[in-house]
Every structure is written in structure tokens, then in C-alpha cells.
């Protein structure tokens, strides 16, 4: 059985999915049908503190290496045919994403 974008997420656009793949490159090869997922949408990976070397040397990064575009071409990613991915570098913060989301929640939001 092959995957299709609509069967996975019928109400989500490919560009939204590409943004959801941040910081998972290291474990991506352990996902079920990860190669098929990579063939569905372009993927943007955001560099995070402590994971750079592990992520870029991981199984998925190595398998998809020939489809990586340079970060200066990141703006072209949404229009590229998958598999395509970019590894974005930038300012790094030691703050936890979970802690940032929790701080944003209003009391009573659950």
C-alpha cells in the first residue's frame, strides 16, 4: 500500500507539513514509511542546539543527501518536487520548545 498526501492529512497543505518536520531528522528514519513521506512533501529541518551533528549524520539525512538544497535556496523549497529538503541554520536558543509553548498558554486554556 502506498501513501498519498490526502490519505495522511486531507486538510493540511504540503507547505504546512514541510514546516512541521523541524528538528526530527535524527529520528526520521525510524518513522514508519519515512521514505514514502519524504517523497510526498518537501521538508524543512531547523537546526537546534545539541542535535546538529547527530541529525546531519543520521540514516535519513544520508539517504536523502542528494536531494538536499542549500539553505540560501530555502525560499524555493515549497515549489520543488519531492523528495527535497533543506537544513536551515540560524540563531540557536537553549530554551525548550515545550516550555515556550507552555508560557504562551493563557490560564484556563488547558
C-alpha atoms as a PDB file:
ATOM      1  CA  UNK A   1       0.000   0.000   0.000  1.00  0.00           C
ATOM      2  CA  UNK A   2       1.400   3.371  -0.944  1.00  0.00           C
ATOM      3  CA  UNK A   3       0.811   6.609   0.890  1.00  0.00           C
ATOM      4  CA  UNK A   4      -0.825   9.671  -0.531  1.00  0.00           C
ATOM      5  CA  UNK A   5      -0.870  13.114   0.971  1.00  0.00           C
ATOM      6  CA  UNK A   6      -4.663  13.140   1.146  1.00  0.00           C
ATOM      7  CA  UNK A   7      -4.794   9.809   2.951  1.00  0.00           C
ATOM      8  CA  UNK A   8      -2.437  11.130   5.620  1.00  0.00           C
ATOM      9  CA  UNK A   9      -3.807  14.604   6.172  1.00  0.00           C
ATOM     10  CA  UNK A  10      -6.668  15.598   3.889  1.00  0.00           C
ATOM     11  CA  UNK A  11      -6.995  19.110   5.310  1.00  0.00           C
ATOM     12  CA  UNK A  12      -3.315  20.095   5.523  1.00  0.00           C
ATOM     13  CA  UNK A  13      -1.355  21.634   2.670  1.00  0.00           C
ATOM     14  CA  UNK A  14       2.124  20.334   1.709  1.00  0.00           C
ATOM     15  CA  UNK A  15       3.835  23.581   2.757  1.00  0.00           C
ATOM     16  CA  UNK A  16       2.334  23.258   6.225  1.00  0.00           C
ATOM     17  CA  UNK A  17       3.590  19.699   6.535  1.00  0.00           C
ATOM     18  CA  UNK A  18       7.086  20.715   5.425  1.00  0.00           C
ATOM     19  CA  UNK A  19       7.217  23.155   8.327  1.00  0.00           C
ATOM     20  CA  UNK A  20       6.040  20.505  10.771  1.00  0.00           C
ATOM     21  CA  UNK A  21       9.147  18.412  10.160  1.00  0.00           C
ATOM     22  CA  UNK A  22      11.509  20.662  12.078  1.00  0.00           C
ATOM     23  CA  UNK A  23      14.107  19.002  14.289  1.00  0.00           C
ATOM     24  CA  UNK A  24      13.108  15.395  13.614  1.00  0.00           C
ATOM     25  CA  UNK A  25      15.768  14.490  11.077  1.00  0.00           C
ATOM     26  CA  UNK A  26      17.709  12.470  13.625  1.00  0.00           C
ATOM     27  CA  UNK A  27      14.833  10.048  14.259  1.00  0.00           C
ATOM     28  CA  UNK A  28      13.059  10.341  10.903  1.00  0.00           C
ATOM     29  CA  UNK A  29      14.446   7.017   9.636  1.00  0.00           C
ATOM     30  CA  UNK A  30      12.627   5.244  12.484  1.00  0.00           C
ATOM     31  CA  UNK A  31       9.246   6.533  11.323  1.00  0.00           C
ATOM     32  CA  UNK A  32       7.009   4.062   9.558  1.00  0.00           C
ATOM     33  CA  UNK A  33       7.220   4.610   5.766  1.00  0.00           C
ATOM     34  CA  UNK A  34       9.610   7.538   6.162  1.00  0.00           C
ATOM     35  CA  UNK A  35      10.900   7.231   2.609  1.00  0.00           C
ATOM     36  CA  UNK A  36       7.369   7.461   1.247  1.00  0.00           C
ATOM     37  CA  UNK A  37       6.716  10.504   3.431  1.00  0.00           C
ATOM     38  CA  UNK A  38       9.865  12.153   2.038  1.00  0.00           C
ATOM     39  CA  UNK A  39       8.513  11.526  -1.451  1.00  0.00           C
ATOM     40  CA  UNK A  40       5.241  13.307  -0.632  1.00  0.00           C
ATOM     41  CA  UNK A  41       6.337  16.764   0.533  1.00  0.00           C
ATOM     42  CA  UNK A  42       9.409  18.999   0.665  1.00  0.00           C
ATOM     43  CA  UNK A  43      10.916  19.001   4.162  1.00  0.00           C
ATOM     44  CA  UNK A  44      12.435  21.876   6.138  1.00  0.00           C
ATOM     45  CA  UNK A  45      14.662  20.943   9.068  1.00  0.00           C
ATOM     46  CA  UNK A  46      15.602  23.657  11.539  1.00  0.00           C
ATOM     47  CA  UNK A  47      18.974  23.393  13.260  1.00  0.00           C
ATOM     48  CA  UNK A  48      18.659  23.123  17.037  1.00  0.00           C
ATOM     49  CA  UNK A  49      21.155  23.217  19.859  1.00  0.00           C
ATOM     50  CA  UNK A  50      22.830  19.897  20.510  1.00  0.00           C
ATOM     51  CA  UNK A  51      21.337  17.970  17.592  1.00  0.00           C
ATOM     52  CA  UNK A  52      23.251  19.284  14.571  1.00  0.00           C
ATOM     53  CA  UNK A  53      25.927  16.629  14.183  1.00  0.00           C
ATOM     54  CA  UNK A  54      23.657  13.742  15.089  1.00  0.00           C
ATOM     55  CA  UNK A  55      20.894  14.823  12.732  1.00  0.00           C
ATOM     56  CA  UNK A  56      23.020  15.507   9.683  1.00  0.00           C
ATOM     57  CA  UNK A  57      24.931  12.240  10.017  1.00  0.00           C
ATOM     58  CA  UNK A  58      21.793  10.174  10.600  1.00  0.00           C
ATOM     59  CA  UNK A  59      20.403   7.499   8.304  1.00  0.00           C
ATOM     60  CA  UNK A  60      17.648   9.668   6.777  1.00  0.00           C
ATOM     61  CA  UNK A  61      19.980  12.612   6.111  1.00  0.00           C
ATOM     62  CA  UNK A  62      22.471  10.310   4.414  1.00  0.00           C
ATOM     63  CA  UNK A  63      19.797   8.550   2.345  1.00  0.00           C
ATOM     64  CA  UNK A  64      18.304  11.869   1.222  1.00  0.00           C
ATOM     65  CA  UNK A  65      21.605  13.740   0.853  1.00  0.00           C
ATOM     66  CA  UNK A  66      21.396  14.110  -2.929  1.00  0.00           C
ATOM     67  CA  UNK A  67      18.005  15.838  -2.566  1.00  0.00           C
ATOM     68  CA  UNK A  68      19.224  18.452  -0.072  1.00  0.00           C
ATOM     69  CA  UNK A  69      19.195  22.027  -1.285  1.00  0.00           C
ATOM     70  CA  UNK A  70      21.480  24.718   0.159  1.00  0.00           C
ATOM     71  CA  UNK A  71      19.937  26.884   2.873  1.00  0.00           C
ATOM     72  CA  UNK A  72      20.322  30.012   0.717  1.00  0.00           C
ATOM     73  CA  UNK A  73      17.797  28.393  -1.695  1.00  0.00           C
ATOM     74  CA  UNK A  74      15.259  27.650   1.064  1.00  0.00           C
ATOM     75  CA  UNK A  75      12.676  30.021  -0.420  1.00  0.00           C
ATOM     76  CA  UNK A  76      12.390  27.675  -3.409  1.00  0.00           C
ATOM     77  CA  UNK A  77      11.566  24.629  -1.271  1.00  0.00           C
ATOM     78  CA  UNK A  78       7.740  24.826  -1.443  1.00  0.00           C
ATOM     79  CA  UNK A  79       7.868  24.756  -5.248  1.00  0.00           C
ATOM     80  CA  UNK A  80      10.261  21.832  -5.522  1.00  0.00           C
ATOM     81  CA  UNK A  81       9.219  18.317  -6.390  1.00  0.00           C
ATOM     82  CA  UNK A  82       9.784  15.890  -3.502  1.00  0.00           C
ATOM     83  CA  UNK A  83      11.971  14.478  -2.288  1.00  0.00           C
ATOM     84  CA  UNK A  84      13.545  17.829  -1.491  1.00  0.00           C
ATOM     85  CA  UNK A  85      14.789  19.157   1.819  1.00  0.00           C
ATOM     86  CA  UNK A  86      16.730  21.967   3.368  1.00  0.00           C
ATOM     87  CA  UNK A  87      18.665  22.185   6.613  1.00  0.00           C
ATOM     88  CA  UNK A  88      18.167  25.695   7.972  1.00  0.00           C
ATOM     89  CA  UNK A  89      20.843  27.263  10.146  1.00  0.00           C
ATOM     90  CA  UNK A  90      20.283  30.284  12.320  1.00  0.00           C
ATOM     91  CA  UNK A  91      20.364  31.653  15.804  1.00  0.00           C
ATOM     92  CA  UNK A  92      20.025  28.954  18.425  1.00  0.00           C
ATOM     93  CA  UNK A  93      18.349  29.214  21.774  1.00  0.00           C
ATOM     94  CA  UNK A  94      18.738  26.904  24.766  1.00  0.00           C
ATOM     95  CA  UNK A  95      15.039  27.405  25.550  1.00  0.00           C
ATOM     96  CA  UNK A  96      12.799  24.372  25.374  1.00  0.00           C
ATOM     97  CA  UNK A  97      10.009  24.445  22.757  1.00  0.00           C
ATOM     98  CA  UNK A  98       7.731  22.800  25.291  1.00  0.00           C
ATOM     99  CA  UNK A  99       8.490  25.498  27.861  1.00  0.00           C
ATOM    100  CA  UNK A 100       7.895  28.263  25.301  1.00  0.00           C
ATOM    101  CA  UNK A 101       4.514  26.811  24.333  1.00  0.00           C
ATOM    102  CA  UNK A 102       3.555  26.452  27.989  1.00  0.00           C
ATOM    103  CA  UNK A 103       4.492  30.087  28.674  1.00  0.00           C
ATOM    104  CA  UNK A 104       2.280  31.209  25.772  1.00  0.00           C
ATOM    105  CA  UNK A 105      -0.801  29.406  27.074  1.00  0.00           C
ATOM    106  CA  UNK A 106      -3.317  31.520  28.878  1.00  0.00           C
ATOM    107  CA  UNK A 107      -4.604  30.336  32.254  1.00  0.00           C
ATOM    108  CA  UNK A 108      -7.598  28.086  31.721  1.00  0.00           C
ATOM    109  CA  UNK A 109      -6.627  27.097  28.134  1.00  0.00           C
ATOM    110  CA  UNK A 110      -5.961  23.517  29.241  1.00  0.00           C
END
